[in-house]
Amino acid sequence: MTAPRTGRGAAAPAGAAGTPARGVPRAARPVREEWDRLSTPTPAPAAFGPELLTGLPEPARRWLTHAIAPATPLWQTGELAMAGEIRLGRSWRPFTARQVLAPPSGFVWAARARVAGLPVTGFDRFSAATGEMRWRLLGLLPVLSATGPDVSRSAAGRLAGEAVLLPSVFRAARWEPGEEPETVVAVWRLATGEERTRLRVGADGRLLAVGMQRWGNPDGGSFGRRPFGVTVEEEGTWDGLTIPSAFRAGWGGGTDRTAGGEFFRARITTARFS
């Protein structure tokens, strides 16, 4: 496991470059209504205080105290911009993406990558109780379109894991002690069923790793619960929230298949919560 390298005071980019672009990204326009619904600002959010953590397992209190500055509004939605690499087949491809995230309601992740020098654009989403993936080459030729119960359950697992990028929604989950030291489990009740996310927290409150049994078929076989993990490498602070800002993810997380299952490396460049 790689420990985070930056502290609570890690600075977010300043000025216009530090603010995600507004409006629906082109790749997500087929689900514009979902993007707009998920990005609706929180009406009159309450302010965070340590009294809200009473009764939570100690690792959860430690993480949330580190992740949410005192008096920060309990934002319920966030918009993120990121860049990184995604593995397509045997090759790693650079990508840029924008995401709207609003656990437990859903997310839309819209991205652009290149394959053989040609642009591939599209989106993954979980919203309105369903999941979907839709990707096109040159914006015209279908590359991947997938829906159905298996896609929805896998996308719901992704939402439960990515909820750590919006720690101010912690009251929407049920919190249980983890089976291992320095861990805690967030239990999310979603439209597709229950998702359990294990968080490993450092002594200073930093989030070190996220793991779960996520629904999927990483080997192309039948769908089922498979180990999935995220390693946090750095963190940054925006709008009073300190979140993972550089991380790696893949199937087999926490097992001897971790390295071979890794397929996603990303760095959040800007974030806005509302």
Protein backbone atom coordinates (compact mmCIF):
# COMPACT_ATOMS: atom_id res chain seq x y z
CA MET A 1 0.00 0.00 0.00
CA THR A 2 1.28 3.46 -0.87
CA ALA A 3 0.75 6.11 1.78
CA PRO A 4 -0.51 9.59 0.90
CA ARG A 5 2.22 12.11 0.25
CA THR A 6 0.45 15.41 0.85
CA GLY A 7 -1.14 16.75 3.99
CA ARG A 8 -4.43 18.25 5.01
CA GLY A 9 -3.38 21.65 3.75
CA ALA A 10 -2.64 20.51 0.19
CA ALA A 11 -3.61 23.44 -1.98
CA ALA A 12 -6.16 23.22 -4.73
CA PRO A 13 -5.39 25.02 -7.99
CA ALA A 14 -6.34 28.67 -7.75
CA GLY A 15 -8.39 30.88 -10.02
CA ALA A 16 -10.30 29.77 -13.10
CA ALA A 17 -8.04 26.75 -13.58
CA GLY A 18 -9.08 25.50 -10.14
CA THR A 19 -12.79 25.41 -10.89
CA PRO A 20 -14.45 22.62 -12.88
CA ALA A 21 -16.06 23.75 -16.11
CA ARG A 22 -19.77 24.37 -15.76
CA GLY A 23 -22.48 22.80 -17.86
CA VAL A 24 -22.95 19.26 -19.05
CA PRO A 25 -19.88 17.80 -20.81
CA ARG A 26 -20.46 16.85 -24.43
CA ALA A 27 -19.97 13.13 -23.72
CA ALA A 28 -22.79 13.20 -21.12
CA ARG A 29 -25.36 15.08 -23.18
CA PRO A 30 -27.43 11.91 -23.80
CA VAL A 31 -28.07 11.91 -20.02
CA ARG A 32 -28.27 15.67 -19.56
CA GLU A 33 -31.33 15.44 -17.31
CA GLU A 34 -29.55 13.03 -14.96
CA TRP A 35 -26.45 15.22 -14.84
CA ASP A 36 -28.54 18.29 -14.04
CA ARG A 37 -30.54 16.46 -11.38
CA LEU A 38 -27.48 15.07 -9.62
CA SER A 39 -25.66 18.42 -9.69
CA THR A 40 -28.52 20.38 -8.07
CA PRO A 41 -27.01 22.34 -5.13
CA THR A 42 -27.87 21.27 -1.60
CA PRO A 43 -30.67 23.45 -0.21
CA ALA A 44 -29.69 25.05 3.14
CA PRO A 45 -27.01 22.48 4.11
CA ALA A 46 -26.28 21.98 7.80
CA ALA A 47 -22.78 22.75 9.08
CA PHE A 48 -20.35 20.05 10.14
CA GLY A 49 -19.40 19.69 13.77
CA PRO A 50 -17.80 16.89 15.83
CA GLU A 51 -21.08 16.31 17.66
CA LEU A 52 -22.43 14.75 14.46
CA LEU A 53 -19.92 11.91 14.80
CA THR A 54 -21.19 10.64 18.15
CA GLY A 55 -21.69 6.88 18.07
CA LEU A 56 -19.59 6.24 14.96
CA PRO A 57 -16.68 3.75 15.16
CA GLU A 58 -13.42 5.47 16.06
CA PRO A 59 -11.72 5.10 12.64
CA ALA A 60 -14.75 6.77 11.03
CA ARG A 61 -14.60 9.67 13.48
CA ARG A 62 -10.84 10.01 12.88
CA TRP A 63 -11.25 10.10 9.09
CA LEU A 64 -14.23 12.45 9.04
CA THR A 65 -12.60 14.87 11.48
CA HIS A 66 -9.63 14.97 9.12
CA ALA A 67 -11.71 15.13 5.95
CA ILE A 68 -14.27 17.80 6.88
CA ALA A 69 -13.19 21.17 8.24
CA PRO A 70 -15.28 22.57 11.14
CA ALA A 71 -18.41 24.46 10.04
CA THR A 72 -18.11 23.19 6.44
CA PRO A 73 -21.58 22.81 4.88
CA LEU A 74 -22.63 19.21 4.52
CA TRP A 75 -22.55 19.32 0.75
CA GLN A 76 -24.61 16.60 -0.96
CA THR A 77 -23.21 16.91 -4.48
CA GLY A 78 -19.84 17.44 -6.10
CA GLU A 79 -18.39 18.03 -9.55
CA LEU A 80 -14.88 16.74 -10.21
CA ALA A 81 -12.40 17.05 -13.05
CA MET A 82 -9.66 14.44 -13.38
CA ALA A 83 -7.00 13.06 -15.66
CA GLY A 84 -5.08 9.82 -15.71
CA GLU A 85 -4.69 6.48 -17.43
CA ILE A 86 -7.17 3.68 -18.02
CA ARG A 87 -6.28 0.20 -19.22
CA LEU A 88 -8.11 -0.85 -22.36
CA GLY A 89 -7.18 -4.39 -23.24
CA ARG A 90 -3.45 -4.67 -22.58
CA SER A 91 -2.65 -1.01 -23.16
CA TRP A 92 -2.84 2.01 -20.87
CA ARG A 93 -4.54 5.03 -22.46
CA PRO A 94 -4.53 8.60 -21.13
CA PHE A 95 -7.94 10.10 -20.38
CA THR A 96 -9.59 13.25 -19.12
CA ALA A 97 -12.96 13.20 -17.40
CA ARG A 98 -15.59 15.16 -15.56
CA GLN A 99 -17.89 13.65 -12.99
CA VAL A 100 -20.96 14.63 -11.03
CA LEU A 101 -21.27 12.67 -7.79
CA ALA A 102 -24.23 12.64 -5.41
CA PRO A 103 -24.32 9.55 -3.16
CA PRO A 104 -26.60 7.72 -2.60
CA SER A 105 -28.55 9.05 -5.63
CA GLY A 106 -25.92 8.41 -8.27
CA PHE A 107 -23.07 9.59 -10.47
CA VAL A 108 -22.27 10.34 -14.10
CA TRP A 109 -18.65 9.98 -15.24
CA ALA A 110 -18.00 11.42 -18.72
CA ALA A 111 -14.57 10.89 -20.26
CA ARG A 112 -12.44 11.14 -23.37
CA ALA A 113 -9.58 8.83 -24.32
CA ARG A 114 -7.74 7.87 -27.52
CA VAL A 115 -7.36 4.47 -29.15
CA ALA A 116 -5.08 4.16 -32.18
CA GLY A 117 -4.99 7.96 -32.23
CA LEU A 118 -8.78 8.24 -32.51
CA PRO A 119 -10.99 9.79 -29.82
CA VAL A 120 -13.30 7.57 -27.79
CA THR A 121 -15.86 9.45 -25.70
CA GLY A 122 -18.73 8.39 -23.53
CA PHE A 123 -20.02 7.93 -20.01
CA ASP A 124 -20.63 5.51 -17.17
CA ARG A 125 -23.52 6.28 -14.82
CA PHE A 126 -25.68 5.06 -11.97
CA SER A 127 -28.85 7.10 -11.59
CA ALA A 128 -32.59 6.56 -11.34
CA ALA A 129 -31.79 3.11 -9.89
CA THR A 130 -30.07 1.90 -13.08
CA GLY A 131 -26.56 1.66 -14.45
CA GLU A 132 -25.36 2.28 -17.99
CA MET A 133 -22.18 2.46 -20.06
CA ARG A 134 -22.18 4.11 -23.49
CA TRP A 135 -19.00 4.77 -25.49
CA ARG A 136 -18.43 5.84 -29.11
CA LEU A 137 -15.49 6.19 -31.47
CA LEU A 138 -15.27 9.61 -33.16
CA GLY A 139 -18.52 10.42 -31.35
CA LEU A 140 -20.42 8.31 -33.89
CA LEU A 141 -19.48 4.62 -33.97
CA PRO A 142 -20.66 2.56 -30.98
CA VAL A 143 -17.81 0.93 -29.07
CA LEU A 144 -19.66 -0.21 -25.95
CA SER A 145 -23.27 0.05 -24.83
CA ALA A 146 -24.37 -1.87 -21.76
CA THR A 147 -27.34 -1.80 -19.41
CA GLY A 148 -29.22 -4.34 -17.32
CA PRO A 149 -29.22 -5.68 -13.76
CA ASP A 150 -25.55 -6.72 -13.73
CA VAL A 151 -24.37 -3.34 -15.00
CA SER A 152 -26.60 -1.60 -12.45
CA ARG A 153 -25.24 -3.64 -9.53
CA SER A 154 -21.63 -3.04 -10.60
CA ALA A 155 -22.27 0.70 -10.99
CA ALA A 156 -23.92 0.80 -7.56
CA GLY A 157 -20.75 -0.69 -6.08
CA ARG A 158 -18.72 1.99 -7.80
CA LEU A 159 -20.97 4.67 -6.31
CA ALA A 160 -20.54 3.23 -2.81
CA GLY A 161 -16.76 3.24 -3.21
CA GLU A 162 -16.55 6.71 -4.68
CA ALA A 163 -18.64 8.17 -1.86
CA VAL A 164 -15.30 8.79 -0.10
CA LEU A 165 -14.82 11.63 -2.62
CA LEU A 166 -17.75 13.40 -0.92
CA PRO A 167 -17.25 12.73 2.81
CA SER A 168 -19.93 15.27 3.76
CA VAL A 169 -22.62 12.67 2.84
CA PHE A 170 -21.46 10.37 5.66
CA ARG A 171 -24.85 10.50 7.40
CA ALA A 172 -26.45 8.66 4.46
CA ALA A 173 -24.50 5.48 5.33
CA ARG A 174 -24.60 3.12 8.29
CA TRP A 175 -21.22 2.71 9.96
CA GLU A 176 -19.88 -0.51 11.48
CA PRO A 177 -16.51 -1.47 12.99
CA GLY A 178 -14.19 -3.21 10.55
CA GLU A 179 -12.88 -6.72 11.11
CA GLU A 180 -9.26 -5.54 10.79
CA PRO A 181 -7.49 -2.90 12.90
CA GLU A 182 -7.81 0.71 11.69
CA THR A 183 -10.73 -0.11 9.40
CA VAL A 184 -14.39 0.84 9.33
CA VAL A 185 -17.25 -0.27 7.08
CA ALA A 186 -19.73 2.10 5.44
CA VAL A 187 -22.97 0.32 4.57
CA TRP A 188 -24.98 1.90 1.76
CA ARG A 189 -28.58 0.98 1.02
CA LEU A 190 -29.01 1.59 -2.69
CA ALA A 191 -31.77 0.80 -5.16
CA THR A 192 -29.96 -2.38 -6.23
CA GLY A 193 -29.35 -3.61 -2.68
CA GLU A 194 -26.78 -3.19 0.07
CA GLU A 195 -23.16 -2.25 -0.65
CA ARG A 196 -20.44 -2.50 2.00
CA THR A 197 -17.28 -0.41 1.64
CA ARG A 198 -14.25 -0.98 3.88
CA LEU A 199 -12.11 2.08 4.63
CA ARG A 200 -8.58 1.83 6.01
CA VAL A 201 -7.65 4.95 7.97
CA GLY A 202 -4.20 6.15 9.01
CA ALA A 203 -3.27 7.25 12.51
CA ASP A 204 -3.50 10.87 11.38
CA GLY A 205 -6.96 10.42 9.88
CA ARG A 206 -5.91 10.14 6.25
CA LEU A 207 -7.76 7.66 4.09
CA LEU A 208 -5.27 5.02 2.92
CA ALA A 209 -7.36 2.49 1.02
CA VAL A 210 -10.89 1.46 0.10
CA GLY A 211 -11.99 -2.12 -0.49
CA MET A 212 -15.18 -4.01 -1.21
CA GLN A 213 -16.71 -7.08 -2.75
CA ARG A 214 -18.04 -5.46 -5.92
CA TRP A 215 -20.40 -7.05 -8.43
CA GLY A 216 -18.64 -7.64 -11.74
CA ASN A 217 -17.04 -10.03 -14.24
CA PRO A 218 -13.44 -8.81 -14.56
CA ASP A 219 -12.34 -12.04 -16.29
CA GLY A 220 -15.19 -11.96 -18.79
CA GLY A 221 -16.98 -14.88 -17.16
CA SER A 222 -20.10 -14.94 -15.03
CA PHE A 223 -20.98 -12.01 -12.80
CA GLY A 224 -20.50 -12.23 -9.05
CA ARG A 225 -18.97 -10.51 -6.06
CA ARG A 226 -15.25 -9.97 -6.67
CA PRO A 227 -12.57 -8.21 -4.57
CA PHE A 228 -12.11 -4.61 -5.67
CA GLY A 229 -9.76 -2.08 -4.15
CA VAL A 230 -8.51 1.49 -4.32
CA THR A 231 -5.14 2.70 -3.03
CA VAL A 232 -4.96 6.39 -2.11
CA GLU A 233 -1.66 8.06 -2.99
CA GLU A 234 -2.32 11.76 -2.36
CA GLU A 235 -5.06 14.03 -1.05
CA GLY A 236 -6.16 17.60 -1.67
CA THR A 237 -8.58 20.09 -0.15
CA TRP A 238 -11.43 21.92 -1.86
CA ASP A 239 -14.38 23.78 -0.28
CA GLY A 240 -13.52 22.51 3.20
CA LEU A 241 -13.32 18.83 2.18
CA THR A 242 -10.05 16.87 2.11
CA ILE A 243 -10.42 13.98 -0.33
CA PRO A 244 -8.27 11.49 -2.22
CA SER A 245 -6.74 13.37 -5.14
CA ALA A 246 -4.50 10.67 -6.63
CA PHE A 247 -5.41 6.99 -6.51
CA ARG A 248 -5.22 3.61 -8.25
CA ALA A 249 -8.07 1.11 -8.57
CA GLY A 250 -8.61 -2.41 -9.79
CA TRP A 251 -10.06 -5.85 -9.34
CA GLY A 252 -8.40 -8.21 -6.92
CA GLY A 253 -7.70 -5.41 -4.44
CA GLY A 254 -6.12 -6.80 -1.28
CA THR A 255 -5.30 -10.17 -2.92
CA ASP A 256 -2.32 -11.58 -4.81
CA ARG A 257 -4.08 -10.49 -8.04
CA THR A 258 -4.03 -6.79 -7.18
CA ALA A 259 -1.30 -5.76 -9.65
CA GLY A 260 -2.79 -7.66 -12.58
CA GLY A 261 -6.29 -6.34 -11.90
CA GLU A 262 -5.38 -2.66 -11.76
CA PHE A 263 -7.04 -0.75 -14.60
CA PHE A 264 -7.50 2.84 -13.40
CA ARG A 265 -5.08 5.57 -12.30
CA ALA A 266 -6.37 9.07 -11.76
CA ARG A 267 -5.57 12.47 -10.34
CA ILE A 268 -8.32 14.93 -9.45
CA THR A 269 -7.35 18.31 -10.80
CA THR A 270 -10.29 20.40 -9.61
CA ALA A 271 -13.39 19.94 -7.48
CA ARG A 272 -16.44 21.96 -6.53
CA PHE A 273 -19.01 20.98 -3.90
CA SER A 274 -22.45 22.45 -3.45
